[in-house]
Amino acid sequence: MFAASSRPAIAVPLLGQLLLPLCAACVIAALSAPAQAHDAKPTAAKPQGWSYPFACCANYDCHEVSQTSISERPEGYVIKDTGEVLAYSDRRIKDSPDGEFHWCAHEAGLDAGKTICLFVPPSSY
């Protein structure tokens, strides 16, 4: 006949009692980790670069644009590529940490090309 293994019957429930809290802690840590944003390229004003806020870029929607891509009109900032106008009081307008224009826009879907955030240099007047 076969020899029965001599595992204690209590070993399996004890293992489950240890793994469940460990798995729960891992899930909580993963869900509560801060969202990471991607970085703007280094400039003379910010040689180390800077991070776009996650709310503006979702890790890929932001990039520096030339000053000729954005114009200032009495009604607000005009995005030349799309013709979109953002009033100066629009909450999507942010101060640019490096003094350059940075445009964050949806890349695809129904909102493709719509501005999420626009980082603008400080006014010169």
Protein backbone atom coordinates (compact mmCIF):
# COMPACT_ATOMS: atom_id res chain seq x y z
CA MET A 1 0.00 0.00 0.00
CA PHE A 2 0.93 3.60 -0.30
CA ALA A 3 2.53 5.42 2.54
CA ALA A 4 0.54 8.50 3.44
CA SER A 5 2.39 11.76 3.55
CA SER A 6 2.64 13.17 6.99
CA ARG A 7 1.61 16.80 6.32
CA PRO A 8 -0.23 18.37 9.13
CA ALA A 9 -3.78 19.33 8.17
CA ILE A 10 -3.27 22.78 9.67
CA ALA A 11 -0.51 23.79 7.17
CA VAL A 12 -2.87 24.73 4.29
CA PRO A 13 -5.16 27.08 6.27
CA LEU A 14 -2.12 28.68 7.90
CA LEU A 15 -0.57 29.37 4.50
CA GLY A 16 -3.84 30.95 3.33
CA GLN A 17 -3.93 33.16 6.41
CA LEU A 18 -0.47 34.48 5.55
CA LEU A 19 -0.97 34.97 1.81
CA LEU A 20 -4.29 36.82 1.96
CA PRO A 21 -2.99 39.84 3.95
CA LEU A 22 0.16 39.92 1.81
CA CYS A 23 -1.87 40.00 -1.43
CA ALA A 24 -4.20 42.64 0.00
CA ALA A 25 -1.23 44.82 0.96
CA CYS A 26 0.21 44.52 -2.56
CA VAL A 27 -3.10 45.55 -4.15
CA ILE A 28 -3.45 48.55 -1.83
CA ALA A 29 0.14 49.65 -2.53
CA ALA A 30 -0.40 49.41 -6.29
CA LEU A 31 -3.63 51.39 -6.19
CA SER A 32 -2.31 54.11 -3.91
CA ALA A 33 0.98 54.70 -5.74
CA PRO A 34 1.25 58.25 -7.10
CA ALA A 35 0.58 58.63 -10.81
CA GLN A 36 3.71 59.30 -12.81
CA ALA A 37 3.83 61.96 -15.50
CA HIS A 38 6.28 62.21 -18.32
CA ASP A 39 9.01 64.82 -18.48
CA ALA A 40 9.51 67.93 -20.54
CA LYS A 41 12.87 68.17 -22.30
CA PRO A 42 15.60 70.12 -20.54
CA THR A 43 15.93 73.79 -21.46
CA ALA A 44 18.28 76.60 -20.48
CA ALA A 45 15.78 77.70 -17.81
CA LYS A 46 15.26 74.12 -16.53
CA PRO A 47 18.42 72.10 -17.33
CA GLN A 48 17.04 69.07 -15.48
CA GLY A 49 13.70 69.28 -17.29
CA TRP A 50 10.42 69.11 -15.41
CA SER A 51 7.43 66.79 -15.17
CA TYR A 52 4.08 67.50 -16.76
CA PRO A 53 1.25 66.96 -14.29
CA PHE A 54 -0.50 63.64 -14.90
CA ALA A 55 -3.86 65.41 -15.16
CA CYS A 56 -2.56 67.26 -18.22
CA CYS A 57 -0.72 64.57 -20.08
CA ALA A 58 -1.67 61.03 -19.11
CA ASN A 59 1.96 60.16 -19.90
CA TYR A 60 2.06 61.06 -23.59
CA ASP A 61 -0.14 64.01 -24.60
CA CYS A 62 2.25 66.95 -23.95
CA HIS A 63 5.09 68.46 -25.90
CA GLU A 64 6.89 71.75 -26.34
CA VAL A 65 5.61 73.89 -29.21
CA SER A 66 7.22 76.87 -30.87
CA GLN A 67 6.12 80.37 -29.97
CA THR A 68 4.78 80.72 -33.51
CA SER A 69 2.33 77.86 -32.84
CA ILE A 70 0.46 79.88 -30.21
CA SER A 71 -0.71 83.42 -30.68
CA GLU A 72 -2.11 85.85 -28.15
CA ARG A 73 -5.24 87.68 -29.20
CA PRO A 74 -7.68 89.82 -27.21
CA GLU A 75 -9.96 86.79 -26.82
CA GLY A 76 -7.17 84.52 -25.50
CA TYR A 77 -4.50 82.09 -26.65
CA VAL A 78 -5.07 80.69 -30.15
CA ILE A 79 -3.69 77.27 -31.07
CA LYS A 80 -2.76 77.82 -34.72
CA ASP A 81 -2.88 74.12 -35.72
CA THR A 82 -6.49 73.70 -34.60
CA GLY A 83 -7.85 77.23 -34.38
CA GLU A 84 -8.93 76.53 -30.81
CA VAL A 85 -9.15 79.61 -28.58
CA LEU A 86 -8.51 79.42 -24.84
CA ALA A 87 -9.65 82.46 -22.90
CA TYR A 88 -7.02 83.93 -20.60
CA SER A 89 -9.18 82.87 -17.64
CA ASP A 90 -9.43 79.23 -18.83
CA ARG A 91 -8.41 76.75 -16.10
CA ARG A 92 -6.45 74.70 -18.65
CA ILE A 93 -3.86 77.47 -18.91
CA LYS A 94 -0.86 76.86 -16.65
CA ASP A 95 2.37 78.73 -15.95
CA SER A 96 5.30 77.24 -17.86
CA PRO A 97 8.17 76.31 -15.53
CA ASP A 98 10.75 76.79 -18.28
CA GLY A 99 9.37 79.86 -20.07
CA GLU A 100 8.39 77.91 -23.19
CA PHE A 101 4.98 76.99 -24.60
CA HIS A 102 3.91 73.39 -24.02
CA TRP A 103 0.67 72.04 -25.46
CA CYS A 104 -1.14 69.01 -24.07
CA ALA A 105 -3.88 67.69 -26.33
CA HIS A 106 -5.84 64.49 -26.81
CA GLU A 107 -4.05 62.30 -29.33
CA ALA A 108 -7.02 60.23 -30.52
CA GLY A 109 -10.73 59.65 -30.18
CA LEU A 110 -13.59 62.11 -30.30
CA ASP A 111 -11.53 64.79 -28.54
CA ALA A 112 -8.43 64.42 -30.78
CA GLY A 113 -6.64 67.75 -31.04
CA LYS A 114 -8.58 69.33 -28.17
CA THR A 115 -6.45 71.04 -25.55
CA ILE A 116 -6.07 69.44 -22.12
CA CYS A 117 -3.54 71.99 -20.80
CA LEU A 118 -1.51 74.83 -22.26
CA PHE A 119 1.66 75.89 -20.45
CA VAL A 120 2.51 79.50 -21.24
CA PRO A 121 5.54 81.62 -20.42
CA PRO A 122 5.07 84.58 -18.12
CA SER A 123 3.67 87.70 -19.74
CA SER A 124 6.28 90.18 -20.82
CA TYR A 125 4.13 93.13 -19.83
